[in-house]
């Protein structure tokens, strides 16, 4: 995320992984199915987004009864290059990992923090990517 590298991110995923966005903006896919969809989706989103992440703050990580599942809270802090405004976006990830690779993610990120800083919101004629996420 800090480097906006869709290749580095996608390489963490199993070939048949699923990355879900339960709070997706209307008109955009609620999930990416497969490593290559993760790569393509984030390449488009990060390429189109004026958001630049300065920091990802780890708030907490929680073990679960399932050794393949972890829950992580975080806060993304960044700036919009188009307006020089700062944003803070809280998020929660539920990750399933098997054999060292991510097999499923439920990505709960409050995208309104970026929109509140003045970024274009998908669906209103603004961003060109599948999601205008940091």
Protein backbone atom coordinates (compact mmCIF):
# COMPACT_ATOMS: atom_id res chain seq x y z
CA UNK A 1 0.00 0.00 0.00
CA UNK A 2 2.76 2.43 0.88
CA UNK A 3 4.50 1.80 -2.44
CA UNK A 4 1.27 1.33 -4.44
CA UNK A 5 2.66 -1.91 -5.86
CA UNK A 6 -0.14 -4.13 -7.18
CA UNK A 7 2.43 -6.79 -8.08
CA UNK A 8 3.86 -7.00 -4.55
CA UNK A 9 0.33 -7.13 -3.14
CA UNK A 10 -0.94 -9.77 -5.58
CA UNK A 11 2.09 -11.98 -4.92
CA UNK A 12 0.79 -12.42 -1.35
CA UNK A 13 -2.39 -14.10 -2.67
CA UNK A 14 -3.13 -17.68 -3.63
CA UNK A 15 -4.01 -18.14 -7.30
CA UNK A 16 -7.71 -18.68 -6.50
CA UNK A 17 -7.98 -16.16 -3.65
CA UNK A 18 -11.02 -13.93 -3.13
CA UNK A 19 -10.76 -10.33 -1.89
CA UNK A 20 -14.17 -8.98 -0.85
CA UNK A 21 -15.23 -5.36 -0.27
CA UNK A 22 -18.48 -5.47 1.73
CA UNK A 23 -18.67 -1.64 1.68
CA UNK A 24 -17.93 -1.22 -2.06
CA UNK A 25 -19.17 1.91 -3.79
CA UNK A 26 -22.24 1.37 -5.99
CA UNK A 27 -21.38 0.35 -9.53
CA UNK A 28 -18.07 -1.29 -8.67
CA UNK A 29 -17.25 -4.94 -8.07
CA UNK A 30 -17.80 -6.14 -4.53
CA UNK A 31 -14.88 -8.55 -4.90
CA UNK A 32 -11.85 -9.61 -6.87
CA UNK A 33 -11.74 -13.31 -7.72
CA UNK A 34 -8.22 -14.67 -8.17
CA UNK A 35 -4.70 -13.32 -7.82
CA UNK A 36 -4.72 -11.72 -11.27
CA UNK A 37 -7.99 -9.90 -10.53
CA UNK A 38 -6.40 -8.51 -7.35
CA UNK A 39 -3.39 -7.39 -9.39
CA UNK A 40 -5.50 -5.76 -12.12
CA UNK A 41 -8.00 -4.21 -9.72
CA UNK A 42 -5.40 -2.58 -7.52
CA UNK A 43 -3.31 -1.51 -10.52
CA UNK A 44 -6.33 0.39 -11.86
CA UNK A 45 -7.42 1.77 -8.48
CA UNK A 46 -4.00 2.91 -7.33
CA UNK A 47 -3.12 4.25 -10.76
CA UNK A 48 -6.23 6.43 -10.86
CA UNK A 49 -6.28 7.55 -7.23
CA UNK A 50 -4.82 10.88 -6.09
CA UNK A 51 -4.39 9.34 -2.62
CA UNK A 52 -0.84 8.84 -1.35
CA UNK A 53 -0.51 6.72 1.79
CA UNK A 54 1.98 8.11 4.30
CA UNK A 55 1.40 5.61 7.08
CA UNK A 56 -0.52 2.47 7.97
CA UNK A 57 -1.04 2.36 11.73
CA UNK A 58 -1.56 -1.07 13.22
CA UNK A 59 -4.22 -0.76 15.86
CA UNK A 60 -4.71 -4.39 16.84
CA UNK A 61 -4.46 -7.96 15.58
CA UNK A 62 -6.70 -10.70 16.91
CA UNK A 63 -6.19 -14.44 16.89
CA UNK A 64 -9.24 -16.56 16.25
CA UNK A 65 -10.24 -20.16 16.98
CA UNK A 66 -9.27 -20.95 13.37
CA UNK A 67 -5.45 -20.89 13.00
CA UNK A 68 -5.82 -19.80 9.36
CA UNK A 69 -7.83 -16.67 10.23
CA UNK A 70 -6.64 -13.37 11.68
CA UNK A 71 -8.50 -10.11 12.19
CA UNK A 72 -6.54 -6.86 11.94
CA UNK A 73 -7.57 -3.29 12.69
CA UNK A 74 -5.62 -0.47 11.08
CA UNK A 75 -5.76 3.20 10.18
CA UNK A 76 -4.46 4.54 6.89
CA UNK A 77 -3.16 8.11 6.93
CA UNK A 78 -2.37 9.92 3.72
CA UNK A 79 -2.71 12.95 1.51
CA UNK A 80 -4.47 13.80 -1.71
CA UNK A 81 -2.00 15.06 -4.28
CA UNK A 82 -4.70 17.07 -6.04
CA UNK A 83 -5.74 19.11 -2.99
CA UNK A 84 -2.90 18.71 -0.47
CA UNK A 85 -5.47 17.58 2.09
CA UNK A 86 -4.97 14.84 4.65
CA UNK A 87 -7.22 11.86 5.19
CA UNK A 88 -7.51 9.22 7.89
CA UNK A 89 -9.31 6.00 7.02
CA UNK A 90 -10.03 3.28 9.58
CA UNK A 91 -10.23 -0.30 8.38
CA UNK A 92 -10.68 -3.87 9.46
CA UNK A 93 -9.39 -6.92 7.59
CA UNK A 94 -10.46 -10.50 8.10
CA UNK A 95 -7.76 -12.60 6.46
CA UNK A 96 -7.59 -16.31 5.80
CA UNK A 97 -4.10 -17.60 5.06
CA UNK A 98 -3.10 -21.09 3.99
CA UNK A 99 0.41 -22.29 3.16
CA UNK A 100 1.73 -18.74 3.52
CA UNK A 101 -0.66 -17.21 0.98
CA UNK A 102 -3.83 -15.18 1.43
CA UNK A 103 -6.85 -17.22 0.34
CA UNK A 104 -9.65 -14.85 1.37
CA UNK A 105 -9.95 -11.27 2.58
CA UNK A 106 -12.98 -9.35 3.80
CA UNK A 107 -11.83 -5.75 3.56
CA UNK A 108 -13.90 -3.30 5.61
CA UNK A 109 -12.47 0.15 4.88
CA UNK A 110 -14.31 3.40 5.46
CA UNK A 111 -13.72 4.96 2.04
CA UNK A 112 -15.70 8.03 3.11
CA UNK A 113 -12.53 9.31 4.82
CA UNK A 114 -10.85 9.71 1.44
CA UNK A 115 -13.99 11.18 -0.13
CA UNK A 116 -14.33 13.56 2.82
CA UNK A 117 -10.86 14.90 2.08
CA UNK A 118 -12.04 15.82 -1.40
CA UNK A 119 -11.19 12.80 -3.55
CA UNK A 120 -13.53 11.91 -6.40
CA UNK A 121 -16.01 9.22 -5.44
CA UNK A 122 -16.52 6.33 -7.88
CA UNK A 123 -19.90 6.52 -9.52
CA UNK A 124 -20.11 10.32 -9.49
CA UNK A 125 -17.98 10.81 -12.60
CA UNK A 126 -14.77 11.06 -10.56
CA UNK A 127 -12.26 8.22 -10.31
CA UNK A 128 -11.53 5.96 -13.24
CA UNK A 129 -10.37 2.93 -11.25
CA UNK A 130 -12.49 0.11 -9.85
CA UNK A 131 -12.22 1.63 -6.38
CA UNK A 132 -10.77 4.96 -5.33
CA UNK A 133 -8.93 3.50 -2.36
CA UNK A 134 -5.63 4.58 -0.85
